[in-house]
Amino acid sequence: MISDLFMSAGEASGDLEAALLLDAIRAIRPAVTCAAIGSERVRAAGATITADSS
């Protein structure tokens, strides 16, 4: 699957910021897809986790 976005969050504060950013983007463009290196917050925001950073 090809995603529209890729985010990389290597620690807890980056994970939170990436999740907030993805939420804001989805408010404007609900169908956006995102792959990410991150943890539970980014996953909960709807990203497909390619590598877990927790």
N, C-alpha and C. Protein backbone atom coordinates (compact mmCIF):
# COMPACT_ATOMS: atom_id res chain seq x y z
N MET A 1 0.84 -1.18 0.00
CA MET A 1 0.00 0.00 0.00
C MET A 1 0.88 1.24 0.00
N ILE A 2 0.57 2.19 -0.83
CA ILE A 2 1.28 3.46 -0.86
C ILE A 2 0.50 4.46 -0.04
N SER A 3 1.18 5.13 0.89
CA SER A 3 0.54 6.12 1.76
C SER A 3 0.75 7.52 1.22
N ASP A 4 -0.16 8.42 1.61
CA ASP A 4 -0.02 9.82 1.25
C ASP A 4 1.08 10.49 2.07
N LEU A 5 1.23 10.07 3.32
CA LEU A 5 2.18 10.68 4.24
C LEU A 5 3.05 9.62 4.90
N PHE A 6 4.23 10.04 5.34
CA PHE A 6 5.06 9.21 6.20
C PHE A 6 5.54 10.08 7.34
N MET A 7 5.37 9.61 8.57
CA MET A 7 5.82 10.35 9.75
C MET A 7 6.79 9.48 10.52
N SER A 8 7.75 10.13 11.16
CA SER A 8 8.70 9.41 12.00
C SER A 8 8.76 10.08 13.36
N ALA A 9 8.39 9.34 14.39
CA ALA A 9 8.40 9.85 15.76
C ALA A 9 9.18 8.86 16.62
N GLY A 10 10.35 9.26 17.07
CA GLY A 10 11.23 8.34 17.76
C GLY A 10 11.09 8.30 19.27
N GLU A 11 10.27 9.18 19.84
CA GLU A 11 10.09 9.17 21.29
C GLU A 11 8.71 9.74 21.63
N ALA A 12 8.34 9.74 22.90
CA ALA A 12 6.96 10.02 23.32
C ALA A 12 6.44 11.39 22.90
N SER A 13 7.23 12.45 23.04
CA SER A 13 6.72 13.78 22.68
C SER A 13 6.54 13.90 21.16
N GLY A 14 7.42 13.28 20.40
CA GLY A 14 7.27 13.27 18.94
C GLY A 14 6.06 12.47 18.51
N ASP A 15 5.78 11.39 19.23
CA ASP A 15 4.60 10.56 18.96
C ASP A 15 3.33 11.38 19.17
N LEU A 16 3.29 12.14 20.25
CA LEU A 16 2.14 13.00 20.53
C LEU A 16 1.98 14.06 19.45
N GLU A 17 3.06 14.73 19.08
CA GLU A 17 2.98 15.78 18.05
C GLU A 17 2.56 15.20 16.70
N ALA A 18 3.08 14.05 16.34
CA ALA A 18 2.69 13.41 15.08
C ALA A 18 1.21 13.05 15.08
N ALA A 19 0.71 12.56 16.20
CA ALA A 19 -0.71 12.22 16.31
C ALA A 19 -1.58 13.46 16.18
N LEU A 20 -1.19 14.54 16.84
CA LEU A 20 -1.95 15.79 16.74
C LEU A 20 -1.94 16.33 15.31
N LEU A 21 -0.78 16.26 14.66
CA LEU A 21 -0.69 16.71 13.27
C LEU A 21 -1.56 15.86 12.36
N LEU A 22 -1.53 14.55 12.53
CA LEU A 22 -2.36 13.68 11.70
C LEU A 22 -3.84 13.95 11.94
N ASP A 23 -4.24 14.18 13.18
CA ASP A 23 -5.63 14.55 13.47
C ASP A 23 -6.02 15.84 12.74
N ALA A 24 -5.14 16.84 12.75
CA ALA A 24 -5.43 18.11 12.09
C ALA A 24 -5.52 17.94 10.58
N ILE A 25 -4.63 17.16 10.01
CA ILE A 25 -4.67 16.90 8.56
C ILE A 25 -5.96 16.17 8.20
N ARG A 26 -6.34 15.20 9.00
CA ARG A 26 -7.56 14.43 8.71
C ARG A 26 -8.82 15.28 8.86
N ALA A 27 -8.77 16.35 9.65
CA ALA A 27 -9.91 17.26 9.76
C ALA A 27 -10.15 17.97 8.43
N ILE A 28 -9.06 18.19 7.68
CA ILE A 28 -9.14 18.86 6.39
C ILE A 28 -9.32 17.86 5.26
N ARG A 29 -8.62 16.74 5.35
CA ARG A 29 -8.64 15.71 4.30
C ARG A 29 -8.83 14.33 4.94
N PRO A 30 -10.07 13.95 5.21
CA PRO A 30 -10.35 12.72 5.96
C PRO A 30 -9.81 11.44 5.34
N ALA A 31 -9.65 11.40 4.04
CA ALA A 31 -9.23 10.16 3.38
C ALA A 31 -7.72 9.97 3.33
N VAL A 32 -6.95 10.89 3.91
CA VAL A 32 -5.50 10.79 3.85
C VAL A 32 -5.04 9.50 4.54
N THR A 33 -4.02 8.87 3.96
CA THR A 33 -3.43 7.68 4.58
C THR A 33 -2.03 8.02 5.06
N CYS A 34 -1.61 7.36 6.12
CA CYS A 34 -0.32 7.67 6.72
C CYS A 34 0.36 6.40 7.20
N ALA A 35 1.62 6.27 6.86
CA ALA A 35 2.48 5.24 7.43
C ALA A 35 3.42 5.96 8.40
N ALA A 36 3.84 5.26 9.45
CA ALA A 36 4.64 5.96 10.45
C ALA A 36 5.56 5.03 11.21
N ILE A 37 6.67 5.62 11.65
CA ILE A 37 7.47 5.03 12.72
C ILE A 37 6.98 5.76 13.96
N GLY A 38 6.38 5.04 14.86
CA GLY A 38 5.81 5.68 16.03
C GLY A 38 5.30 4.65 17.01
N SER A 39 4.42 5.11 17.88
CA SER A 39 3.91 4.25 18.93
C SER A 39 2.39 4.35 18.99
N GLU A 40 1.82 4.10 20.15
CA GLU A 40 0.38 3.96 20.29
C GLU A 40 -0.41 5.22 19.91
N ARG A 41 0.09 6.40 20.21
CA ARG A 41 -0.67 7.62 19.89
C ARG A 41 -0.83 7.80 18.38
N VAL A 42 0.23 7.56 17.64
CA VAL A 42 0.15 7.69 16.18
C VAL A 42 -0.75 6.59 15.61
N ARG A 43 -0.66 5.40 16.17
CA ARG A 43 -1.53 4.30 15.74
C ARG A 43 -2.99 4.66 16.02
N ALA A 44 -3.28 5.22 17.19
CA ALA A 44 -4.65 5.60 17.55
C ALA A 44 -5.18 6.71 16.65
N ALA A 45 -4.28 7.55 16.13
CA ALA A 45 -4.69 8.62 15.21
C ALA A 45 -4.97 8.08 13.81
N GLY A 46 -4.63 6.81 13.58
CA GLY A 46 -4.98 6.19 12.31
C GLY A 46 -3.82 5.85 11.40
N ALA A 47 -2.60 6.03 11.86
CA ALA A 47 -1.45 5.69 11.02
C ALA A 47 -1.21 4.18 11.03
N THR A 48 -0.65 3.70 9.94
CA THR A 48 -0.18 2.32 9.88
C THR A 48 1.26 2.33 10.36
N ILE A 49 1.54 1.64 11.44
CA ILE A 49 2.88 1.65 12.03
C ILE A 49 3.78 0.67 11.26
N THR A 50 4.87 1.21 10.70
CA THR A 50 5.83 0.38 9.98
C THR A 50 6.94 -0.11 10.90
N ALA A 51 7.21 0.65 11.97
CA ALA A 51 8.17 0.25 12.99
C ALA A 51 7.73 0.90 14.30
N ASP A 52 7.63 0.11 15.35
CA ASP A 52 7.18 0.61 16.65
C ASP A 52 8.36 1.23 17.38
N SER A 53 8.19 2.48 17.83
CA SER A 53 9.28 3.18 18.50
C SER A 53 9.17 3.14 20.01
N SER A 54 8.20 2.40 20.54
CA SER A 54 8.06 2.36 22.01
C SER A 54 9.07 1.45 22.66
